[in-house]
Protein backbone atom coordinates (compact mmCIF):
# COMPACT_ATOMS: atom_id res chain seq x y z
CA UNK A 1 64.83 134.11 65.76
CA UNK A 2 62.98 134.35 69.03
CA UNK A 3 63.51 137.03 71.60
CA UNK A 4 64.95 134.60 74.39
CA UNK A 5 67.52 133.32 71.85
CA UNK A 6 68.59 136.98 70.97
CA UNK A 7 68.76 137.91 74.62
CA UNK A 8 70.96 134.93 75.33
CA UNK A 9 73.38 135.83 72.37
CA UNK A 10 73.44 139.35 73.60
CA UNK A 11 74.45 138.23 77.14
CA UNK A 12 77.11 135.99 75.69
CA UNK A 13 78.50 138.79 73.63
CA UNK A 14 78.54 141.21 76.62
CA UNK A 15 80.35 138.62 78.75
CA UNK A 16 82.87 138.05 75.90
CA UNK A 17 83.40 141.77 75.66
CA UNK A 18 83.98 142.07 79.37
CA UNK A 19 86.47 139.26 79.26
CA UNK A 20 88.26 140.83 76.32
CA UNK A 21 88.47 144.10 78.24
CA UNK A 22 90.04 142.20 81.15
CA UNK A 23 92.57 140.56 78.80
CA UNK A 24 93.40 143.94 77.34
CA UNK A 25 94.03 145.37 80.68
CA UNK A 26 96.41 142.39 81.60
CA UNK A 27 98.19 142.78 78.34
CA UNK A 28 98.52 146.43 79.00
CA UNK A 29 100.12 145.66 82.40
CA UNK A 30 102.48 143.18 80.71
CA UNK A 31 103.50 145.64 78.09
CA UNK A 32 104.30 148.24 80.61
CA UNK A 33 106.35 145.81 82.54
CA UNK A 34 108.05 144.82 79.29
CA UNK A 35 108.92 148.41 78.53
CA UNK A 36 110.42 148.91 82.05
CA UNK A 37 112.32 145.64 81.91
CA UNK A 38 115.34 146.73 79.81
CA UNK A 39 116.22 149.58 82.08
CA UNK A 40 115.86 147.43 85.16
CA UNK A 41 118.01 144.77 83.54
CA UNK A 42 120.67 147.29 82.55
CA UNK A 43 120.73 148.67 86.10
CA UNK A 44 120.92 145.17 87.59
CA UNK A 45 123.72 144.23 85.28
CA UNK A 46 125.75 147.27 86.10
CA UNK A 47 125.23 146.70 89.80
CA UNK A 48 126.34 143.11 89.45
CA UNK A 49 129.41 144.06 87.48
CA UNK A 50 130.48 146.54 90.16
CA UNK A 51 129.81 144.11 92.92
CA UNK A 52 131.87 141.32 91.10
CA UNK A 53 134.70 143.75 90.60
CA UNK A 54 134.70 144.59 94.33
CA UNK A 55 134.71 140.92 95.24
CA UNK A 56 137.66 140.20 92.97
CA UNK A 57 139.49 143.15 94.63
CA UNK A 58 138.71 141.41 98.01
CA UNK A 59 140.34 138.29 96.81
CA UNK A 60 137.11 136.34 96.26
CA UNK A 61 137.38 133.68 93.56
CA UNK A 62 134.21 134.30 91.63
CA UNK A 63 134.84 131.45 89.27
CA UNK A 64 135.02 128.97 92.14
CA UNK A 65 131.80 130.38 93.51
CA UNK A 66 130.17 129.99 90.05
CA UNK A 67 131.40 126.31 89.85
CA UNK A 68 129.87 125.73 93.21
CA UNK A 69 126.64 127.29 92.11
CA UNK A 70 126.71 125.15 89.00
CA UNK A 71 126.99 122.10 91.17
CA UNK A 72 123.99 123.27 93.10
CA UNK A 73 122.23 123.86 89.78
CA UNK A 74 123.09 120.31 88.78
CA UNK A 75 121.43 118.96 91.83
CA UNK A 76 118.49 121.16 91.19
CA UNK A 77 118.16 119.75 87.73
CA UNK A 78 117.93 116.16 88.82
CA UNK A 79 114.83 114.36 87.49
CA UNK A 80 112.95 114.54 90.72
CA UNK A 81 113.76 118.19 91.21
CA UNK A 82 113.09 118.99 87.62
CA UNK A 83 109.75 117.42 87.72
CA UNK A 84 108.83 119.70 90.64
CA UNK A 85 110.21 122.75 88.83
CA UNK A 86 108.25 121.63 85.75
CA UNK A 87 105.13 121.70 87.81
CA UNK A 88 105.97 125.18 88.95
CA UNK A 89 106.65 126.39 85.45
CA UNK A 90 103.26 124.92 84.21
CA UNK A 91 101.61 126.85 86.93
CA UNK A 92 103.42 130.03 85.86
CA UNK A 93 102.33 129.51 82.29
CA UNK A 94 98.76 128.97 83.32
CA UNK A 95 98.69 132.07 85.48
CA UNK A 96 99.80 135.20 83.36
CA UNK A 97 97.20 137.30 85.15
CA UNK A 98 98.53 136.39 88.46
CA UNK A 99 102.13 137.26 87.24
CA UNK A 100 101.00 140.59 85.93
CA UNK A 101 99.20 141.28 89.18
CA UNK A 102 102.37 140.34 91.12
CA UNK A 103 104.43 142.67 88.92
CA UNK A 104 101.96 145.55 89.57
CA UNK A 105 101.96 144.89 93.24
CA UNK A 106 105.81 144.74 93.25
CA UNK A 107 105.90 148.04 91.35
CA UNK A 108 103.42 149.66 93.79
CA UNK A 109 105.46 148.30 96.65
CA UNK A 110 108.74 149.67 95.34
CA UNK A 111 106.94 153.05 94.77
CA UNK A 112 105.77 152.94 98.36
CA UNK A 113 109.22 152.12 99.66
CA UNK A 114 110.82 154.98 97.65
CA UNK A 115 108.17 157.44 99.00
CA UNK A 116 109.15 156.24 102.50
CA UNK A 117 112.78 157.04 101.84
CA UNK A 118 114.04 153.37 101.34
CA UNK A 119 117.06 153.13 99.14
CA UNK A 120 116.20 150.17 96.93
CA UNK A 121 119.75 150.13 95.33
CA UNK A 122 121.35 149.81 98.76
CA UNK A 123 118.93 147.01 99.58
CA UNK A 124 119.85 145.19 96.29
CA UNK A 125 123.52 145.63 97.15
CA UNK A 126 122.77 144.00 100.62
CA UNK A 127 120.91 141.25 98.78
CA UNK A 128 123.95 140.58 96.53
CA UNK A 129 126.25 140.51 99.57
CA UNK A 130 123.89 137.89 101.09
CA UNK A 131 123.96 135.94 97.85
CA UNK A 132 127.86 136.07 97.92
CA UNK A 133 127.87 134.72 101.43
CA UNK A 134 125.52 131.99 100.41
CA UNK A 135 127.74 130.83 97.61
CA UNK A 136 130.82 130.57 99.78
CA UNK A 137 132.36 127.00 99.85
CA UNK A 138 131.44 126.46 103.44
CA UNK A 139 127.91 127.58 102.71
CA UNK A 140 127.73 125.39 99.69
CA UNK A 141 128.99 122.40 101.74
CA UNK A 142 126.22 123.07 104.34
CA UNK A 143 123.71 123.15 101.57
CA UNK A 144 125.06 119.93 100.16
CA UNK A 145 124.75 118.32 103.55
CA UNK A 146 121.28 119.66 103.85
CA UNK A 147 120.36 118.08 100.43
CA UNK A 148 121.79 114.77 101.69
CA UNK A 149 119.70 114.96 104.72
CA UNK A 150 116.68 115.64 102.54
CA UNK A 151 117.36 112.45 100.65
CA UNK A 152 117.69 110.53 103.92
CA UNK A 153 114.38 112.08 104.97
CA UNK A 154 112.84 110.88 101.79
CA UNK A 155 114.17 107.31 102.41
CA UNK A 156 112.81 107.49 105.90
CA UNK A 157 109.43 108.59 104.59
CA UNK A 158 109.44 105.65 102.16
CA UNK A 159 110.22 103.27 105.02
CA UNK A 160 107.51 104.90 107.14
CA UNK A 161 105.00 104.18 104.44
CA UNK A 162 105.59 100.46 105.05
CA UNK A 163 105.15 100.69 108.78
CA UNK A 164 101.29 100.05 108.68
CA UNK A 165 101.66 96.79 106.80
CA UNK A 166 104.54 95.69 109.05
CA UNK A 167 102.49 96.64 112.20
CA UNK A 168 99.55 94.57 110.84
CA UNK A 169 101.81 91.58 110.35
CA UNK A 170 103.24 92.05 113.89
CA UNK A 171 99.89 92.15 115.41
CA UNK A 172 98.75 89.11 113.47
CA UNK A 173 101.80 87.28 114.80
CA UNK A 174 101.17 88.37 118.37
CA UNK A 175 97.50 87.34 118.03
CA UNK A 176 98.47 83.90 116.88
CA UNK A 177 101.01 83.51 119.67
CA UNK A 178 98.42 84.55 122.31
CA UNK A 179 95.92 82.13 120.76
CA UNK A 180 98.44 79.33 121.10
CA UNK A 181 99.14 80.26 124.70
CA UNK A 182 95.51 80.38 125.58
CA UNK A 183 95.06 76.83 123.99
CA UNK A 184 97.70 75.55 126.31
CA UNK A 185 95.66 77.00 129.30
CA UNK A 186 97.86 79.98 129.98
CA UNK A 187 96.02 83.07 131.28
CA UNK A 188 97.52 85.78 129.16
CA UNK A 189 95.67 88.61 130.89
CA UNK A 190 97.05 87.49 134.28
CA UNK A 191 100.53 87.24 132.89
CA UNK A 192 100.14 90.68 131.38
CA UNK A 193 99.00 92.15 134.73
CA UNK A 194 101.89 90.40 136.59
CA UNK A 195 104.29 91.84 134.06
CA UNK A 196 102.84 95.37 134.51
CA UNK A 197 103.10 95.07 138.25
CA UNK A 198 106.79 93.95 137.96
CA UNK A 199 107.49 96.83 135.58
CA UNK A 200 105.76 99.28 138.03
CA UNK A 201 108.03 97.94 140.84
CA UNK A 202 111.12 98.13 138.69
CA UNK A 203 110.49 101.83 137.76
CA UNK A 204 109.96 102.92 141.48
CA UNK A 205 112.56 105.58 142.48
CA UNK A 206 113.98 103.44 145.21
CA UNK A 207 114.21 100.44 142.89
CA UNK A 208 115.96 102.58 140.21
CA UNK A 209 118.28 103.89 142.77
CA UNK A 210 119.30 100.31 143.80
CA UNK A 211 119.64 99.37 140.18
CA UNK A 212 121.84 102.35 139.66
CA UNK A 213 124.05 101.32 142.55
CA UNK A 214 124.13 97.77 141.17
CA UNK A 215 125.27 99.17 137.75
CA UNK A 216 127.98 101.17 139.48
CA UNK A 217 129.17 98.13 141.41
CA UNK A 218 129.07 96.12 138.09
CA UNK A 219 131.25 98.75 136.47
CA UNK A 220 133.76 98.71 139.30
CA UNK A 221 133.58 95.00 139.95
CA UNK A 222 136.26 93.82 137.29
CA UNK A 223 138.84 95.97 139.05
CA UNK A 224 137.75 94.71 142.53
CA UNK A 225 137.75 91.08 141.27
CA UNK A 226 141.16 91.41 139.78
CA UNK A 227 142.49 92.75 143.03
CA UNK A 228 141.00 89.86 144.93
CA UNK A 229 142.40 87.38 142.56
CA UNK A 230 145.91 88.94 142.85
CA UNK A 231 145.64 88.79 146.74
CA UNK A 232 144.57 85.18 146.66
CA UNK A 233 147.32 84.31 144.19
CA UNK A 234 149.88 85.95 146.62
CA UNK A 235 148.42 84.04 149.59
CA UNK A 236 148.53 80.83 147.77
CA UNK A 237 152.12 81.41 146.70
CA UNK A 238 153.10 82.05 150.41
CA UNK A 239 151.48 78.81 151.47
CA UNK A 240 153.24 76.87 148.71
CA UNK A 241 156.45 78.46 149.85
CA UNK A 242 155.79 77.14 153.42
CA UNK A 243 155.35 73.57 152.07
CA UNK A 244 151.60 73.56 152.35
CA UNK A 245 149.97 71.30 149.77
CA UNK A 246 146.81 73.25 148.93
CA UNK A 247 145.58 70.58 146.54
CA UNK A 248 145.64 68.02 149.34
CA UNK A 249 143.91 70.42 151.68
CA UNK A 250 141.16 71.00 149.22
CA UNK A 251 140.69 67.23 148.66
CA UNK A 252 140.58 66.74 152.39
CA UNK A 253 138.10 69.55 152.72
CA UNK A 254 135.97 67.99 149.96
CA UNK A 255 135.87 64.48 151.70
CA UNK A 256 135.01 66.21 155.00
CA UNK A 257 132.14 68.01 153.30
CA UNK A 258 130.95 64.73 151.83
CA UNK A 259 131.08 62.95 155.17
CA UNK A 260 129.30 65.88 156.97
CA UNK A 261 126.50 65.80 154.45
CA UNK A 262 125.71 62.15 154.80
CA UNK A 263 122.05 61.31 155.54
CA UNK A 264 122.82 59.83 159.13
CA UNK A 265 124.90 62.85 160.07
CA UNK A 266 122.23 65.28 158.88
CA UNK A 267 119.57 63.37 160.86
CA UNK A 268 121.81 63.56 163.89
CA UNK A 269 122.27 67.32 163.37
CA UNK A 270 118.45 67.70 163.03
CA UNK A 271 118.04 65.83 166.28
CA UNK A 272 120.71 67.99 167.94
CA UNK A 273 119.02 71.19 166.68
CA UNK A 274 115.56 69.94 167.86
CA UNK A 275 116.99 69.68 171.43
CA UNK A 276 119.18 72.75 171.13
CA UNK A 277 117.80 74.52 174.20
CA UNK A 278 118.48 71.42 176.45
CA UNK A 279 121.84 70.84 174.98
CA UNK A 280 122.75 74.48 175.43
CA UNK A 281 121.83 74.33 179.14
CA UNK A 282 123.90 71.15 179.53
CA UNK A 283 126.91 72.71 177.85
CA UNK A 284 126.56 75.89 180.01
CA UNK A 285 126.42 73.78 183.23
CA UNK A 286 129.39 71.74 181.99
CA UNK A 287 131.45 74.86 181.31
CA UNK A 288 130.59 76.47 184.55
CA UNK A 289 131.35 73.28 186.65
CA UNK A 290 135.13 73.73 186.09
CA UNK A 291 135.45 70.09 184.74
CA UNK A 292 137.35 71.57 181.78
CA UNK A 293 139.99 73.31 183.90
CA UNK A 294 143.49 72.04 183.40
CA UNK A 295 143.75 69.99 186.58
CA UNK A 296 140.47 68.13 186.26
CA UNK A 297 141.23 67.45 182.63
CA UNK A 298 144.64 66.03 183.67
CA UNK A 299 142.90 63.79 186.23
CA UNK A 300 140.47 62.54 183.71
CA UNK A 301 143.23 61.80 181.37
CA UNK A 302 144.95 59.77 183.98
CA UNK A 303 141.84 57.86 184.68
CA UNK A 304 141.41 57.06 181.06
CA UNK A 305 144.96 55.82 180.77
CA UNK A 306 144.56 53.64 183.91
CA UNK A 307 141.37 52.18 182.41
CA UNK A 308 143.15 51.38 179.18
CA UNK A 309 146.08 49.79 180.95
CA UNK A 310 143.81 47.67 183.15
CA UNK A 311 141.72 46.53 180.13
CA UNK A 312 144.78 45.33 178.17
CA UNK A 313 146.75 43.78 181.07
CA UNK A 314 144.59 40.59 181.33
CA UNK A 315 145.69 40.17 185.05
CA UNK A 316 142.31 40.42 186.64
CA UNK A 317 141.94 37.60 189.24
CA UNK A 318 139.16 37.10 191.82
CA UNK A 319 139.93 38.76 195.28
CA UNK A 320 138.53 38.01 198.73
CA UNK A 321 137.96 40.27 201.73
CA UNK A 322 141.32 39.73 203.24
CA UNK A 323 142.99 40.44 199.84
CA UNK A 324 140.97 43.56 199.55
CA UNK A 325 141.99 44.68 203.01
CA UNK A 326 145.65 43.95 202.31
CA UNK A 327 145.30 46.01 199.01
CA UNK A 328 144.46 49.02 200.98
CA UNK A 329 148.10 49.11 202.21
CA UNK A 330 149.21 49.56 198.64
CA UNK A 331 150.14 53.25 198.19
CA UNK A 332 148.61 53.46 194.76
CA UNK A 333 145.42 51.73 195.81
CA UNK A 334 145.23 53.88 198.87
CA UNK A 335 145.81 57.06 196.86
CA UNK A 336 142.95 56.02 194.54
CA UNK A 337 140.55 55.19 197.51
CA UNK A 338 141.32 58.50 199.11
CA UNK A 339 140.61 60.39 195.88
CA UNK A 340 137.41 58.39 195.34
CA UNK A 341 136.19 59.05 198.89
CA UNK A 342 136.93 62.83 198.44
CA UNK A 343 135.00 62.79 195.20
CA UNK A 344 132.09 60.98 196.88
CA UNK A 345 132.03 63.35 199.80
CA UNK A 346 132.07 66.50 197.47
CA UNK A 347 129.49 64.84 195.18
CA UNK A 348 127.12 64.04 198.07
CA UNK A 349 127.34 67.72 199.29
CA UNK A 350 126.47 68.82 195.82
CA UNK A 351 123.53 66.54 195.64
CA UNK A 352 122.39 67.86 199.00
CA UNK A 353 122.47 71.50 197.69
CA UNK A 354 120.73 70.72 194.49
CA UNK A 355 117.79 68.73 196.12
CA UNK A 356 115.00 70.65 197.52
CA UNK A 357 114.66 70.63 201.34
CA UNK A 358 111.81 68.51 202.88
């Protein structure tokens, strides 16, 4: 056998010896922990028994608490939870050295705490009290609610995993729709800019304030509208009680609206509005002339009646100069002639005042 081969075998044996030493040290630690375990278990059992006795004296139903704990255990032993625990146990079986190290660390830590004056038994009792509080019905209910929320979170996570595919489908649909709009000649970019500008205007503080006022009015509008309807109903009832036929009034108003909106009347109104300044001056002069005072209106009415009577009498015969002179002796004719001469004199004076001087 060659020297290199012997050296390799010696190296492998030394490595194997070192690993065996390491395993022996770990086994020694485990053996030491195993020797200390019965005493620790006995102490723990005594402490638990004493604590259970005190709880029963305080009226705590330990059996009920245990049933609640079993329910929690049932949930913990569900397939999905058991699979996770199985993974943890597999890790524990694959890491005996780590467990031994943890035990040594725990022992060292407990020894350090004892040297610092920490009462470990007292701390364990406090831990048991905490466990008792955690197994109360209300605490168990809170834990059950938390587990239900975990299930909801799992469902939400499952739905979230489908979001990318759904988003891709939505984007494809939007792309197809945009392509169809562009094929019709629609400028999608311009429409998007206009939409963003409109959104910017809608989100301005003053616009939001106006929208808020509109919403407030919309909330109060039903009551206001109901009040208005009640008032209108009361007014209609009063009119009906006075013998007014509202249906006939509405029909008359509709007919009047139809007549006022005829094309010829609308053209006349347009012409009137086009000469509104001139017509306004004419109306102002007419109102300031006094012709609409009661006495002038009465005279105009008398003239109209005389004109109507003369037109319908059919007694208009030719008259010579002598007959005209004799008619002046008639009191009615004389009265009309005097009135006409007075009007002519006043009208001539007005004309002289309105004409510029030469």
